[in-house]
Amino acid sequence: MLCTPAVRRHIAAVWRLCETSHKRHSKALHLLENGVNLIYIRDILGHASIVTTEVYAKANPEMKRQAVEAVASKTLGPSRYDDAAREDLLTWLRQVI
């Protein structure tokens, strides 16, 4: 099946759109990872709602881990388990999973 010039132009336009969207997503994640507030990222990306921008906050598991650790140390207090007990638990979890 031969592609007509119109189909080729359409494919090229979609490709450029995907490429642009990928660049925007990457830039937003880099800004978030470097501590830029979501409100500013929303303004840079031109989103009407912060809800749209919050997708970027949910996308990075490393940032989630850091946030949970920061809050956990304040709310849970010191751990009841020593390093050996933690290592035993991690070994057991690795075997189960």
N, C-alpha and C. Protein backbone atom coordinates (compact mmCIF):
# COMPACT_ATOMS: atom_id res chain seq x y z
N MET A 1 0.84 -1.18 0.00
CA MET A 1 0.00 0.00 0.00
C MET A 1 0.89 1.24 0.00
N LEU A 2 0.63 2.13 -0.89
CA LEU A 2 1.42 3.35 -1.01
C LEU A 2 0.83 4.46 -0.17
N CYS A 3 1.72 5.24 0.42
CA CYS A 3 1.26 6.38 1.21
C CYS A 3 1.17 7.60 0.30
N THR A 4 0.07 8.28 0.43
CA THR A 4 -0.09 9.51 -0.34
C THR A 4 0.66 10.62 0.37
N PRO A 5 0.94 11.71 -0.31
CA PRO A 5 1.61 12.84 0.34
C PRO A 5 0.83 13.36 1.56
N ALA A 6 -0.50 13.33 1.49
CA ALA A 6 -1.30 13.80 2.62
C ALA A 6 -1.10 12.90 3.84
N VAL A 7 -1.03 11.60 3.62
CA VAL A 7 -0.81 10.65 4.72
C VAL A 7 0.58 10.86 5.30
N ARG A 8 1.56 11.06 4.44
CA ARG A 8 2.93 11.31 4.92
C ARG A 8 3.00 12.56 5.78
N ARG A 9 2.31 13.63 5.34
CA ARG A 9 2.29 14.87 6.12
C ARG A 9 1.62 14.65 7.48
N HIS A 10 0.55 13.88 7.47
CA HIS A 10 -0.16 13.59 8.72
C HIS A 10 0.74 12.80 9.68
N ILE A 11 1.42 11.79 9.16
CA ILE A 11 2.33 11.00 9.99
C ILE A 11 3.45 11.87 10.55
N ALA A 12 4.00 12.75 9.74
CA ALA A 12 5.06 13.65 10.18
C ALA A 12 4.55 14.58 11.28
N ALA A 13 3.32 15.08 11.12
CA ALA A 13 2.75 15.99 12.12
C ALA A 13 2.54 15.27 13.45
N VAL A 14 2.04 14.04 13.40
CA VAL A 14 1.84 13.26 14.62
C VAL A 14 3.18 12.98 15.28
N TRP A 15 4.19 12.64 14.49
CA TRP A 15 5.52 12.38 15.02
C TRP A 15 6.08 13.61 15.74
N ARG A 16 5.93 14.77 15.12
CA ARG A 16 6.42 16.01 15.76
C ARG A 16 5.68 16.28 17.06
N LEU A 17 4.37 16.04 17.06
CA LEU A 17 3.57 16.26 18.27
C LEU A 17 4.04 15.34 19.39
N CYS A 18 4.27 14.08 19.09
CA CYS A 18 4.75 13.13 20.10
C CYS A 18 6.12 13.54 20.62
N GLU A 19 6.96 13.96 19.72
CA GLU A 19 8.30 14.38 20.12
C GLU A 19 8.22 15.59 21.04
N THR A 20 7.36 16.55 20.72
CA THR A 20 7.20 17.75 21.55
C THR A 20 6.62 17.37 22.91
N SER A 21 5.63 16.51 22.92
CA SER A 21 5.02 16.08 24.17
C SER A 21 6.04 15.39 25.06
N HIS A 22 6.88 14.57 24.47
CA HIS A 22 7.92 13.87 25.23
C HIS A 22 8.90 14.88 25.84
N LYS A 23 9.28 15.88 25.08
CA LYS A 23 10.21 16.90 25.59
C LYS A 23 9.58 17.66 26.75
N ARG A 24 8.29 18.01 26.61
CA ARG A 24 7.60 18.73 27.69
C ARG A 24 7.54 17.88 28.95
N HIS A 25 7.21 16.60 28.79
CA HIS A 25 7.12 15.70 29.93
C HIS A 25 8.48 15.57 30.62
N SER A 26 9.53 15.39 29.84
CA SER A 26 10.88 15.26 30.40
C SER A 26 11.29 16.52 31.15
N LYS A 27 11.02 17.67 30.55
CA LYS A 27 11.38 18.95 31.19
C LYS A 27 10.62 19.12 32.49
N ALA A 28 9.33 18.77 32.49
CA ALA A 28 8.53 18.90 33.71
C ALA A 28 9.08 18.00 34.81
N LEU A 29 9.45 16.78 34.47
CA LEU A 29 10.01 15.87 35.47
C LEU A 29 11.34 16.38 36.01
N HIS A 30 12.18 16.91 35.14
CA HIS A 30 13.46 17.45 35.59
C HIS A 30 13.26 18.63 36.52
N LEU A 31 12.32 19.50 36.20
CA LEU A 31 12.03 20.64 37.07
C LEU A 31 11.55 20.15 38.44
N LEU A 32 10.65 19.19 38.44
CA LEU A 32 10.11 18.66 39.69
C LEU A 32 11.20 18.00 40.52
N GLU A 33 12.07 17.23 39.87
CA GLU A 33 13.16 16.56 40.58
C GLU A 33 14.13 17.56 41.20
N ASN A 34 14.21 18.75 40.63
CA ASN A 34 15.11 19.77 41.15
C ASN A 34 14.41 20.73 42.11
N GLY A 35 13.22 20.34 42.56
CA GLY A 35 12.55 21.08 43.63
C GLY A 35 11.67 22.23 43.19
N VAL A 36 11.38 22.36 41.92
CA VAL A 36 10.51 23.44 41.46
C VAL A 36 9.06 23.10 41.85
N ASN A 37 8.37 24.07 42.40
CA ASN A 37 6.99 23.90 42.85
C ASN A 37 6.08 23.55 41.67
N LEU A 38 5.08 22.69 41.92
CA LEU A 38 4.14 22.29 40.86
C LEU A 38 3.38 23.48 40.26
N ILE A 39 3.14 24.49 41.05
CA ILE A 39 2.43 25.68 40.56
C ILE A 39 3.24 26.34 39.44
N TYR A 40 4.54 26.44 39.64
CA TYR A 40 5.40 27.04 38.61
C TYR A 40 5.47 26.16 37.36
N ILE A 41 5.55 24.85 37.58
CA ILE A 41 5.58 23.93 36.44
C ILE A 41 4.27 24.03 35.66
N ARG A 42 3.15 24.13 36.37
CA ARG A 42 1.85 24.32 35.71
C ARG A 42 1.87 25.55 34.82
N ASP A 43 2.41 26.64 35.36
CA ASP A 43 2.46 27.89 34.59
C ASP A 43 3.37 27.77 33.38
N ILE A 44 4.51 27.11 33.54
CA ILE A 44 5.45 26.94 32.43
C ILE A 44 4.82 26.11 31.32
N LEU A 45 4.11 25.03 31.70
CA LEU A 45 3.50 24.15 30.71
C LEU A 45 2.20 24.72 30.14
N GLY A 46 1.64 25.71 30.82
CA GLY A 46 0.40 26.31 30.33
C GLY A 46 -0.84 25.51 30.66
N HIS A 47 -0.78 24.68 31.70
CA HIS A 47 -1.96 23.91 32.09
C HIS A 47 -2.96 24.83 32.78
N ALA A 48 -4.23 24.60 32.52
CA ALA A 48 -5.28 25.40 33.15
C ALA A 48 -5.51 24.97 34.60
N SER A 49 -5.28 23.69 34.86
CA SER A 49 -5.55 23.14 36.19
C SER A 49 -4.30 22.47 36.76
N ILE A 50 -4.12 22.60 38.06
CA ILE A 50 -3.00 21.94 38.72
C ILE A 50 -3.18 20.43 38.69
N VAL A 51 -4.41 19.97 38.56
CA VAL A 51 -4.68 18.53 38.51
C VAL A 51 -3.95 17.89 37.32
N THR A 52 -3.91 18.60 36.20
CA THR A 52 -3.21 18.10 35.02
C THR A 52 -1.72 17.98 35.30
N THR A 53 -1.17 18.93 36.02
CA THR A 53 0.25 18.94 36.30
C THR A 53 0.64 17.91 37.36
N GLU A 54 -0.31 17.55 38.23
CA GLU A 54 -0.02 16.60 39.29
C GLU A 54 0.39 15.22 38.77
N VAL A 55 0.10 14.95 37.51
CA VAL A 55 0.52 13.68 36.90
C VAL A 55 2.03 13.53 37.02
N TYR A 56 2.76 14.63 36.89
CA TYR A 56 4.22 14.57 36.96
C TYR A 56 4.69 14.23 38.37
N ALA A 57 3.96 14.67 39.37
CA ALA A 57 4.33 14.38 40.75
C ALA A 57 4.16 12.91 41.07
N LYS A 58 3.25 12.25 40.38
CA LYS A 58 2.98 10.83 40.63
C LYS A 58 3.88 9.92 39.80
N ALA A 59 4.63 10.48 38.88
CA ALA A 59 5.36 9.68 37.91
C ALA A 59 6.72 9.19 38.39
N ASN A 60 7.30 9.80 39.41
CA ASN A 60 8.67 9.48 39.80
C ASN A 60 8.70 8.68 41.10
N PRO A 61 8.97 7.37 41.05
CA PRO A 61 8.98 6.55 42.27
C PRO A 61 10.08 6.94 43.26
N GLU A 62 11.20 7.44 42.78
CA GLU A 62 12.27 7.85 43.69
C GLU A 62 11.83 9.04 44.53
N MET A 63 11.13 9.98 43.93
CA MET A 63 10.64 11.12 44.70
C MET A 63 9.58 10.68 45.71
N LYS A 64 8.76 9.70 45.33
CA LYS A 64 7.77 9.16 46.27
C LYS A 64 8.48 8.55 47.47
N ARG A 65 9.51 7.75 47.20
CA ARG A 65 10.24 7.10 48.28
C ARG A 65 10.85 8.12 49.23
N GLN A 66 11.45 9.16 48.68
CA GLN A 66 12.07 10.20 49.51
C GLN A 66 11.03 10.92 50.36
N ALA A 67 9.87 11.19 49.77
CA ALA A 67 8.80 11.88 50.51
C ALA A 67 8.29 11.01 51.65
N VAL A 68 8.10 9.72 51.39
CA VAL A 68 7.62 8.81 52.43
C VAL A 68 8.65 8.69 53.54
N GLU A 69 9.91 8.59 53.19
CA GLU A 69 10.95 8.48 54.22
C GLU A 69 11.02 9.74 55.07
N ALA A 70 10.87 10.90 54.44
CA ALA A 70 10.93 12.16 55.19
C ALA A 70 9.78 12.26 56.19
N VAL A 71 8.60 11.86 55.77
CA VAL A 71 7.43 11.94 56.64
C VAL A 71 7.48 10.83 57.69
N ALA A 72 7.92 9.65 57.29
CA ALA A 72 7.95 8.51 58.21
C ALA A 72 8.85 8.77 59.41
N SER A 73 9.98 9.40 59.17
CA SER A 73 10.90 9.64 60.29
C SER A 73 10.30 10.60 61.31
N LYS A 74 9.41 11.47 60.86
CA LYS A 74 8.77 12.43 61.78
C LYS A 74 7.57 11.82 62.49
N THR A 75 6.87 10.92 61.83
CA THR A 75 5.64 10.39 62.41
C THR A 75 5.81 9.07 63.13
N LEU A 76 6.72 8.22 62.67
CA LEU A 76 6.86 6.90 63.25
C LEU A 76 7.86 6.84 64.40
N GLY A 77 8.77 7.77 64.44
CA GLY A 77 9.78 7.73 65.48
C GLY A 77 10.87 6.73 65.14
N PRO A 78 11.72 6.43 66.11
CA PRO A 78 12.82 5.50 65.84
C PRO A 78 12.30 4.07 65.62
N SER A 79 13.03 3.34 64.84
CA SER A 79 12.66 1.96 64.53
C SER A 79 12.90 1.05 65.73
N ARG A 80 12.05 0.03 65.88
CA ARG A 80 12.21 -0.95 66.95
C ARG A 80 13.15 -2.07 66.53
N TYR A 81 13.59 -2.05 65.27
CA TYR A 81 14.38 -3.15 64.74
C TYR A 81 15.80 -2.69 64.46
N ASP A 82 16.75 -3.56 64.76
CA ASP A 82 18.14 -3.26 64.46
C ASP A 82 18.45 -3.61 63.01
N ASP A 83 19.65 -3.32 62.57
CA ASP A 83 20.03 -3.55 61.17
C ASP A 83 19.95 -5.02 60.78
N ALA A 84 20.31 -5.92 61.69
CA ALA A 84 20.27 -7.35 61.38
C ALA A 84 18.84 -7.82 61.15
N ALA A 85 17.91 -7.35 61.98
CA ALA A 85 16.51 -7.73 61.83
C ALA A 85 15.94 -7.19 60.51
N ARG A 86 16.32 -5.99 60.16
CA ARG A 86 15.87 -5.42 58.88
C ARG A 86 16.40 -6.22 57.71
N GLU A 87 17.67 -6.60 57.78
CA GLU A 87 18.27 -7.38 56.70
C GLU A 87 17.60 -8.74 56.57
N ASP A 88 17.27 -9.35 57.71
CA ASP A 88 16.54 -10.64 57.69
C ASP A 88 15.19 -10.48 57.00
N LEU A 89 14.49 -9.40 57.32
CA LEU A 89 13.18 -9.15 56.71
C LEU A 89 13.31 -8.93 55.21
N LEU A 90 14.30 -8.15 54.80
CA LEU A 90 14.51 -7.91 53.36
C LEU A 90 14.86 -9.19 52.63
N THR A 91 15.68 -10.04 53.24
CA THR A 91 16.03 -11.32 52.63
C THR A 91 14.79 -12.19 52.47
N TRP A 92 13.97 -12.24 53.50
CA TRP A 92 12.75 -13.02 53.42
C TRP A 92 11.81 -12.48 52.33
N LEU A 93 11.65 -11.15 52.25
CA LEU A 93 10.80 -10.55 51.22
C LEU A 93 11.30 -10.86 49.82
N ARG A 94 12.60 -10.82 49.63
CA ARG A 94 13.16 -11.14 48.30
C ARG A 94 12.87 -12.59 47.91
N GLN A 95 12.90 -13.48 48.87
CA GLN A 95 12.61 -14.88 48.59
C GLN A 95 11.14 -15.09 48.27
N VAL A 96 10.28 -14.37 48.95
CA VAL A 96 8.84 -14.52 48.75
C VAL A 96 8.42 -13.94 47.42
N ILE A 97 9.01 -12.83 47.06
CA ILE A 97 8.65 -12.15 45.80
C ILE A 97 9.40 -12.81 44.71
